[in-house]
Amino acid sequence: FGTHALLIVTLTLIPATAAAQSENDATREDVYPPLWDRAPESLMDFLVKDNKIVINPWNYQERLGVYKNMLNYSAKYFTAFGSQNFGNILWGLPLQHGWQFRTGRLADPSSVTPCGYEDGDVLCISVRSWWSCMNYYLAVIPFLGAVEAGLFGQLQYKIEILPPEERRADFCYSVADCWSRNPKLMDEWKAYFEVNNFTLFFHIFPATSPSFKMDDALGLMWRAHVSSIAYALPKFQDSLKYLSDPEANFGEDWANAVDFIAATHFSTDLQTTNEFQAFLPQRMLTEGDVLPSISDFSPQQNRILLSLGVLHKANQLTGGLLLKLWQKAMSTEAGRKLGRKLIEDLVSS
């Protein structure tokens, strides 16, 4: 395939008629993840016990608070990219987590426990949820990488992450623990959050080359993001058994699509993320759902979900060659700019 052919194939990831939001829309409350205003604002808003800040990532509000703290403490580096921290490229993480919560993807899919359900503990995040386990590696690991990078300054207390009731060996719970188990992931997230890097990206020559510096930041963020998914995918493969076949397929299709999106260094600020999440399904898929004819999904949602599956299958059939060719096409700033421009044009058409 040439670059042009790769671009055409990959554009199937993106909805042709997603409703673009204006800058004014970014002040609406519903652009934030559910319960955003109730999430812990600072690290001292979490439980402090025995000289430790104790965080329960199996509670939606507390995991959301982990994201909120990363956004709050990194806000000063994004002042040139919009008001109210809307230009912060970390927004993609809590917004995706909020979509998972809103659509029931963090609840116990086996229905053995009331975790995550309205008639049980609605804020509970189930360790049986494939989505919640995958997301752990895009929440706790980035957060502890940020701690190690000095984003929060010199902390008075150590951080302790509470374990789930099951599968304790599949997660890590402190900076030292995560360094010993996942040094590559911690290295990559730390590299993104290094305060010196933020200063380099956004404070040196900001007027002359802001796009280039933002591209550097996006490159480090997406590198760590993709690594987190690649590490977690095989670890939680067995959790897919709790999901319907259509939902399990969608989860794997979405994880595959992220690799293609990441290669363009696509911006994950608040407005852009909200626009691109418009095509994601508003509920979990069930056994009766057959693409592209799911009656309560829009034609665009049906088409995009089908396209995600086609892209995943094509990448599998080529032994990953399709992704490698796409990544090569996106290996220069000019290539990435072209990829992003084509995607943005398609969405706004």
Protein backbone atom coordinates (compact mmCIF):
# COMPACT_ATOMS: atom_id res chain seq x y z
CA PHE A 1 0.00 0.00 0.00
CA GLY A 2 1.07 3.56 -0.58
CA THR A 3 0.49 6.37 1.87
CA HIS A 4 -2.68 7.42 0.09
CA ALA A 5 -4.19 3.93 0.30
CA LEU A 6 -3.32 3.70 3.99
CA LEU A 7 -5.00 7.00 4.71
CA ILE A 8 -8.17 5.86 2.96
CA VAL A 9 -8.29 2.59 4.91
CA THR A 10 -7.65 4.24 8.26
CA LEU A 11 -10.25 6.92 7.74
CA THR A 12 -12.85 4.21 8.26
CA LEU A 13 -12.09 4.67 11.95
CA ILE A 14 -13.70 8.06 12.04
CA PRO A 15 -17.40 8.96 11.74
CA ALA A 16 -18.27 10.91 8.63
CA THR A 17 -20.98 12.94 10.28
CA ALA A 18 -20.00 13.42 13.92
CA ALA A 19 -21.59 16.61 15.18
CA ALA A 20 -18.81 19.15 15.56
CA GLN A 21 -19.00 21.31 18.66
CA SER A 22 -18.17 24.98 18.67
CA GLU A 23 -15.79 26.52 21.20
CA ASN A 24 -18.81 27.90 23.03
CA ASP A 25 -20.12 24.39 23.60
CA ALA A 26 -17.05 23.57 25.66
CA THR A 27 -18.53 25.39 28.66
CA ARG A 28 -21.52 23.02 28.90
CA GLU A 29 -21.46 20.73 31.91
CA ASP A 30 -22.06 17.60 29.84
CA VAL A 31 -18.68 17.94 28.15
CA TYR A 32 -17.11 16.75 31.40
CA PRO A 33 -17.09 13.14 32.63
CA PRO A 34 -20.05 12.23 34.91
CA LEU A 35 -19.58 13.45 38.52
CA TRP A 36 -16.50 15.48 37.57
CA ASP A 37 -17.41 18.20 40.08
CA ARG A 38 -17.48 15.63 42.90
CA ALA A 39 -14.09 14.05 42.17
CA PRO A 40 -11.20 14.90 44.54
CA GLU A 41 -9.61 18.21 43.53
CA SER A 42 -6.24 17.68 45.22
CA LEU A 43 -4.26 14.79 46.63
CA MET A 44 -5.18 15.84 50.17
CA ASP A 45 -8.86 15.30 49.30
CA PHE A 46 -8.19 11.56 49.32
CA LEU A 47 -8.06 9.58 52.56
CA VAL A 48 -4.86 10.25 54.53
CA LYS A 49 -4.04 7.39 56.91
CA ASP A 50 -0.83 6.26 58.62
CA ASN A 51 1.17 8.93 56.79
CA LYS A 52 -0.10 7.72 53.40
CA ILE A 53 -2.47 9.13 50.82
CA VAL A 54 -4.80 6.18 50.24
CA ILE A 55 -6.59 5.96 46.89
CA ASN A 56 -9.26 3.41 45.99
CA PRO A 57 -9.16 3.05 42.18
CA TRP A 58 -12.07 0.59 42.37
CA ASN A 59 -14.37 3.51 43.12
CA TYR A 60 -15.32 5.55 40.05
CA GLN A 61 -15.18 8.90 41.85
CA GLU A 62 -11.72 8.22 43.25
CA ARG A 63 -10.28 6.95 39.96
CA LEU A 64 -11.77 10.06 38.36
CA GLY A 65 -10.00 12.07 41.06
CA VAL A 66 -6.68 10.58 39.96
CA TYR A 67 -7.29 12.03 36.50
CA LYS A 68 -8.52 15.34 37.90
CA ASN A 69 -5.32 15.79 39.89
CA MET A 70 -3.15 15.07 36.85
CA LEU A 71 -5.13 17.62 34.86
CA ASN A 72 -5.09 20.24 37.62
CA TYR A 73 -1.36 19.97 38.29
CA SER A 74 -0.41 20.04 34.61
CA ALA A 75 -2.79 22.91 33.75
CA LYS A 76 -0.08 25.58 33.97
CA TYR A 77 1.71 24.04 31.01
CA PHE A 78 -1.33 24.33 28.74
CA THR A 79 -2.34 27.96 29.29
CA ALA A 80 -1.36 28.85 25.71
CA PHE A 81 -3.79 26.28 24.33
CA GLY A 82 -7.12 27.63 25.57
CA SER A 83 -8.90 28.77 28.71
CA GLN A 84 -10.08 26.57 31.60
CA ASN A 85 -7.44 23.93 30.80
CA PHE A 86 -9.52 22.77 27.81
CA GLY A 87 -6.35 22.40 25.70
CA ASN A 88 -4.78 19.87 28.08
CA ILE A 89 -4.13 16.66 26.12
CA LEU A 90 -4.82 14.49 29.17
CA TRP A 91 -8.58 15.04 28.75
CA GLY A 92 -8.83 11.94 26.55
CA LEU A 93 -8.22 9.67 29.55
CA PRO A 94 -10.96 10.84 31.97
CA LEU A 95 -13.44 11.38 29.14
CA GLN A 96 -12.96 7.79 27.98
CA HIS A 97 -13.31 6.63 31.59
CA GLY A 98 -16.50 8.69 31.94
CA TRP A 99 -17.93 7.10 28.80
CA GLN A 100 -17.17 3.66 30.27
CA PHE A 101 -19.00 4.58 33.48
CA ARG A 102 -21.98 6.15 31.73
CA THR A 103 -22.48 3.14 29.46
CA GLY A 104 -22.24 0.53 32.22
CA ARG A 105 -18.89 -0.87 31.13
CA LEU A 106 -17.31 -0.61 34.60
CA ALA A 107 -20.00 -2.73 36.33
CA ASP A 108 -19.64 -6.44 37.07
CA PRO A 109 -20.43 -8.07 33.67
CA SER A 110 -20.94 -11.46 35.32
CA SER A 111 -23.77 -9.95 37.45
CA VAL A 112 -22.54 -12.05 40.38
CA THR A 113 -22.04 -8.93 42.50
CA PRO A 114 -23.99 -5.65 42.64
CA CYS A 115 -20.81 -3.73 41.82
CA GLY A 116 -21.56 -0.83 39.50
CA TYR A 117 -25.32 -1.22 39.36
CA GLU A 118 -28.03 1.25 40.37
CA ASP A 119 -29.50 -1.15 42.93
CA GLY A 120 -26.04 -1.90 44.37
CA ASP A 121 -22.98 0.35 44.58
CA VAL A 122 -23.23 2.46 41.47
CA LEU A 123 -19.74 3.96 41.96
CA CYS A 124 -18.12 0.54 42.34
CA ILE A 125 -15.66 -0.44 39.59
CA SER A 126 -15.59 -4.20 39.06
CA VAL A 127 -12.32 -6.08 38.70
CA ARG A 128 -14.26 -8.49 36.45
CA SER A 129 -14.82 -5.71 33.93
CA TRP A 130 -12.40 -5.97 31.02
CA TRP A 131 -12.80 -2.24 30.43
CA SER A 132 -11.99 -1.31 34.04
CA CYS A 133 -8.88 -3.51 34.15
CA MET A 134 -7.58 -2.12 30.87
CA ASN A 135 -8.30 1.39 32.12
CA TYR A 136 -6.32 0.77 35.34
CA TYR A 137 -3.17 0.84 33.22
CA LEU A 138 -4.29 4.19 31.77
CA ALA A 139 -5.08 5.68 35.19
CA VAL A 140 -2.96 4.40 38.06
CA ILE A 141 0.24 3.85 36.04
CA PRO A 142 0.17 7.36 34.48
CA PHE A 143 -0.61 8.83 37.90
CA LEU A 144 2.29 7.09 39.64
CA GLY A 145 4.54 8.03 36.71
CA ALA A 146 3.49 11.64 37.29
CA VAL A 147 4.29 11.31 41.00
CA GLU A 148 7.76 9.98 40.17
CA ALA A 149 8.29 12.71 37.56
CA GLY A 150 7.67 15.41 40.17
CA LEU A 151 4.42 16.75 38.74
CA PHE A 152 3.00 17.09 42.27
CA GLY A 153 6.22 18.41 43.80
CA GLN A 154 7.68 16.94 46.99
CA LEU A 155 4.87 14.98 48.58
CA GLN A 156 4.50 14.96 52.36
CA TYR A 157 3.06 11.44 52.25
CA LYS A 158 3.60 8.31 50.21
CA ILE A 159 0.87 7.12 47.85
CA GLU A 160 -0.89 3.82 48.49
CA ILE A 161 -3.28 2.31 45.94
CA LEU A 162 -5.87 -0.11 47.33
CA PRO A 163 -6.09 -3.55 45.69
CA PRO A 164 -9.26 -5.15 44.28
CA GLU A 165 -10.94 -8.14 45.92
CA GLU A 166 -9.77 -10.47 43.14
CA ARG A 167 -6.76 -10.67 40.80
CA ARG A 168 -4.47 -8.72 43.13
CA ALA A 169 -1.36 -10.01 41.36
CA ASP A 170 -2.46 -8.38 38.09
CA PHE A 171 -1.96 -4.83 39.39
CA CYS A 172 0.64 -2.74 41.19
CA TYR A 173 -0.04 -0.44 44.11
CA SER A 174 2.78 2.05 44.74
CA VAL A 175 5.57 3.83 42.87
CA ALA A 176 8.14 1.24 43.99
CA ASP A 177 5.82 -1.70 43.27
CA CYS A 178 4.97 -0.44 39.79
CA TRP A 179 8.62 0.30 39.00
CA SER A 180 9.55 -3.29 39.87
CA ARG A 181 6.68 -4.84 37.90
CA ASN A 182 6.29 -2.46 34.97
CA PRO A 183 9.53 -0.49 34.50
CA LYS A 184 8.88 0.22 30.79
CA LEU A 185 5.40 1.64 31.41
CA MET A 186 6.56 3.71 34.36
CA ASP A 187 9.52 5.01 32.34
CA GLU A 188 7.30 6.07 29.45
CA TRP A 189 4.66 7.78 31.59
CA LYS A 190 7.34 9.44 33.69
CA ALA A 191 8.96 10.71 30.47
CA TYR A 192 5.68 12.34 29.47
CA PHE A 193 5.19 13.97 32.86
CA GLU A 194 8.78 15.14 33.40
CA VAL A 195 8.42 18.74 34.48
CA ASN A 196 11.56 19.59 32.53
CA ASN A 197 9.95 18.19 29.37
CA PHE A 198 6.78 20.21 29.92
CA THR A 199 8.92 23.32 30.32
CA LEU A 200 10.81 22.47 27.14
CA PHE A 201 7.64 21.74 25.18
CA PHE A 202 5.66 24.80 26.08
CA HIS A 203 7.88 27.49 27.60
CA ILE A 204 10.81 27.65 25.18
CA PHE A 205 10.10 29.46 21.92
CA PRO A 206 6.32 29.06 22.33
CA ALA A 207 5.62 31.77 19.77
CA THR A 208 7.84 30.31 17.05
CA SER A 209 6.98 26.62 17.06
CA PRO A 210 4.02 25.76 19.30
CA SER A 211 2.73 23.02 16.99
CA PHE A 212 6.10 21.27 16.94
CA LYS A 213 6.35 21.32 20.74
CA MET A 214 2.79 20.06 21.12
CA ASP A 215 3.60 17.29 18.66
CA ASP A 216 6.50 16.24 20.90
CA ALA A 217 4.21 16.11 23.92
CA LEU A 218 1.54 14.18 22.03
CA GLY A 219 4.19 11.76 20.80
CA LEU A 220 5.32 10.91 24.33
CA MET A 221 1.75 10.68 25.62
CA TRP A 222 0.59 8.38 22.83
CA ARG A 223 3.72 6.22 23.13
CA ALA A 224 2.94 5.59 26.79
CA HIS A 225 -0.78 5.15 26.06
CA VAL A 226 -0.17 2.47 23.41
CA SER A 227 2.33 0.69 25.65
CA SER A 228 -0.20 0.54 28.48
CA ILE A 229 -2.78 -1.06 26.21
CA ALA A 230 -0.25 -3.49 24.72
CA TYR A 231 0.79 -4.61 28.21
CA ALA A 232 -2.76 -4.98 29.55
CA LEU A 233 -4.35 -6.71 26.52
CA PRO A 234 -2.90 -10.20 27.02
CA LYS A 235 -3.14 -9.90 30.81
CA PHE A 236 -6.90 -9.42 30.74
CA GLN A 237 -7.76 -11.56 27.71
CA ASP A 238 -9.62 -13.97 29.98
CA SER A 239 -11.93 -11.18 31.20
CA LEU A 240 -13.51 -11.02 27.73
CA LYS A 241 -15.38 -14.23 28.60
CA TYR A 242 -17.75 -12.19 30.77
CA LEU A 243 -18.81 -10.07 27.79
CA SER A 244 -21.14 -10.85 24.90
CA ASP A 245 -19.33 -11.72 21.68
CA PRO A 246 -20.26 -8.39 20.03
CA GLU A 247 -19.01 -6.42 23.06
CA ALA A 248 -15.79 -8.44 23.35
CA ASN A 249 -15.13 -7.94 19.64
CA PHE A 250 -15.79 -4.23 19.92
CA GLY A 251 -13.37 -3.92 22.85
CA GLU A 252 -10.57 -5.57 20.90
CA ASP A 253 -11.45 -3.62 17.74
CA TRP A 254 -11.27 -0.36 19.69
CA ALA A 255 -7.90 -1.27 21.22
CA ASN A 256 -6.57 -2.00 17.72
CA ALA A 257 -7.94 1.30 16.38
CA VAL A 258 -6.13 3.27 19.08
CA ASP A 259 -2.80 2.16 17.56
CA PHE A 260 -3.77 3.76 14.26
CA ILE A 261 -5.08 6.95 15.87
CA ALA A 262 -2.01 7.23 18.09
CA ALA A 263 0.33 7.19 15.10
CA THR A 264 -1.09 10.54 13.94
CA HIS A 265 -0.40 12.12 17.37
CA PHE A 266 -4.07 13.01 17.38
CA SER A 267 -4.97 15.71 19.88
CA THR A 268 -6.88 14.54 22.96
CA ASP A 269 -7.95 17.92 24.32
CA LEU A 270 -11.43 18.32 25.78
CA GLN A 271 -13.32 19.48 22.70
CA THR A 272 -11.67 17.13 20.20
CA THR A 273 -12.12 14.10 22.44
CA ASN A 274 -15.81 14.85 22.96
CA GLU A 275 -16.32 15.19 19.21
CA PHE A 276 -14.67 11.86 18.48
CA GLN A 277 -16.42 9.99 21.26
CA ALA A 278 -19.76 10.84 19.66
CA PHE A 279 -19.68 7.65 17.58
CA LEU A 280 -18.95 5.27 20.48
CA PRO A 281 -21.89 3.07 21.55
CA GLN A 282 -24.10 4.49 24.30
CA ARG A 283 -24.62 1.05 25.86
CA MET A 284 -22.90 -2.32 25.99
CA LEU A 285 -23.41 -4.56 22.99
CA THR A 286 -25.48 -7.72 23.49
CA GLU A 287 -25.75 -11.06 21.70
CA GLY A 288 -28.68 -9.81 19.62
CA ASP A 289 -26.69 -6.90 18.18
CA VAL A 290 -25.76 -7.49 14.54
CA LEU A 291 -23.79 -4.84 12.66
CA PRO A 292 -24.59 -2.77 10.72
CA SER A 293 -28.24 -3.09 11.77
CA ILE A 294 -28.40 -2.25 15.50
CA SER A 295 -31.73 -0.44 15.68
CA ASP A 296 -31.01 1.93 18.58
CA PHE A 297 -27.62 3.00 17.17
CA SER A 298 -27.36 5.73 14.56
CA PRO A 299 -26.35 4.78 11.00
CA GLN A 300 -22.99 6.43 11.68
CA GLN A 301 -22.44 4.37 14.84
CA ASN A 302 -23.33 1.16 13.01
CA ARG A 303 -20.99 1.99 10.15
CA ILE A 304 -18.10 2.99 12.38
CA LEU A 305 -18.36 -0.09 14.60
CA LEU A 306 -18.42 -2.25 11.49
CA SER A 307 -15.42 -0.38 10.09
CA LEU A 308 -13.47 -0.86 13.33
CA GLY A 309 -13.99 -4.60 12.96
CA VAL A 310 -12.92 -4.56 9.30
CA LEU A 311 -9.77 -2.60 10.15
CA HIS A 312 -8.89 -5.00 12.98
CA LYS A 313 -9.43 -8.02 10.74
CA ALA A 314 -7.35 -6.48 7.95
CA ASN A 315 -4.52 -5.79 10.36
CA GLN A 316 -4.68 -9.36 11.64
CA LEU A 317 -4.75 -10.87 8.15
CA THR A 318 -1.63 -8.90 7.18
CA GLY A 319 0.15 -9.96 10.36
CA GLY A 320 0.23 -6.37 11.59
CA LEU A 321 1.72 -5.09 8.32
CA LEU A 322 -1.14 -2.65 7.80
CA LEU A 323 -0.34 -0.90 11.08
CA LYS A 324 3.40 -0.89 10.35
CA LEU A 325 2.82 0.74 6.95
CA TRP A 326 0.50 3.30 8.51
CA GLN A 327 3.04 4.09 11.23
CA LYS A 328 5.71 4.55 8.57
CA ALA A 329 3.46 6.96 6.69
CA MET A 330 2.95 8.86 9.94
CA SER A 331 6.66 8.93 10.89
CA THR A 332 7.14 12.58 9.94
CA GLU A 333 5.41 15.67 11.22
CA ALA A 334 4.21 16.38 7.67
CA GLY A 335 2.70 12.88 7.42
CA ARG A 336 1.00 13.16 10.79
CA LYS A 337 -0.36 16.58 9.90
CA LEU A 338 -1.82 15.14 6.71
CA GLY A 339 -3.37 12.24 8.60
CA ARG A 340 -4.96 14.52 11.17
CA LYS A 341 -6.17 16.95 8.52
CA LEU A 342 -7.90 14.20 6.53
CA ILE A 343 -9.58 12.91 9.68
CA GLU A 344 -10.70 16.39 10.73
CA ASP A 345 -12.00 17.16 7.23
CA LEU A 346 -14.01 13.97 7.22
CA VAL A 347 -15.56 14.71 10.59
CA SER A 348 -16.51 18.26 9.67
CA SER A 349 -17.95 17.30 6.27
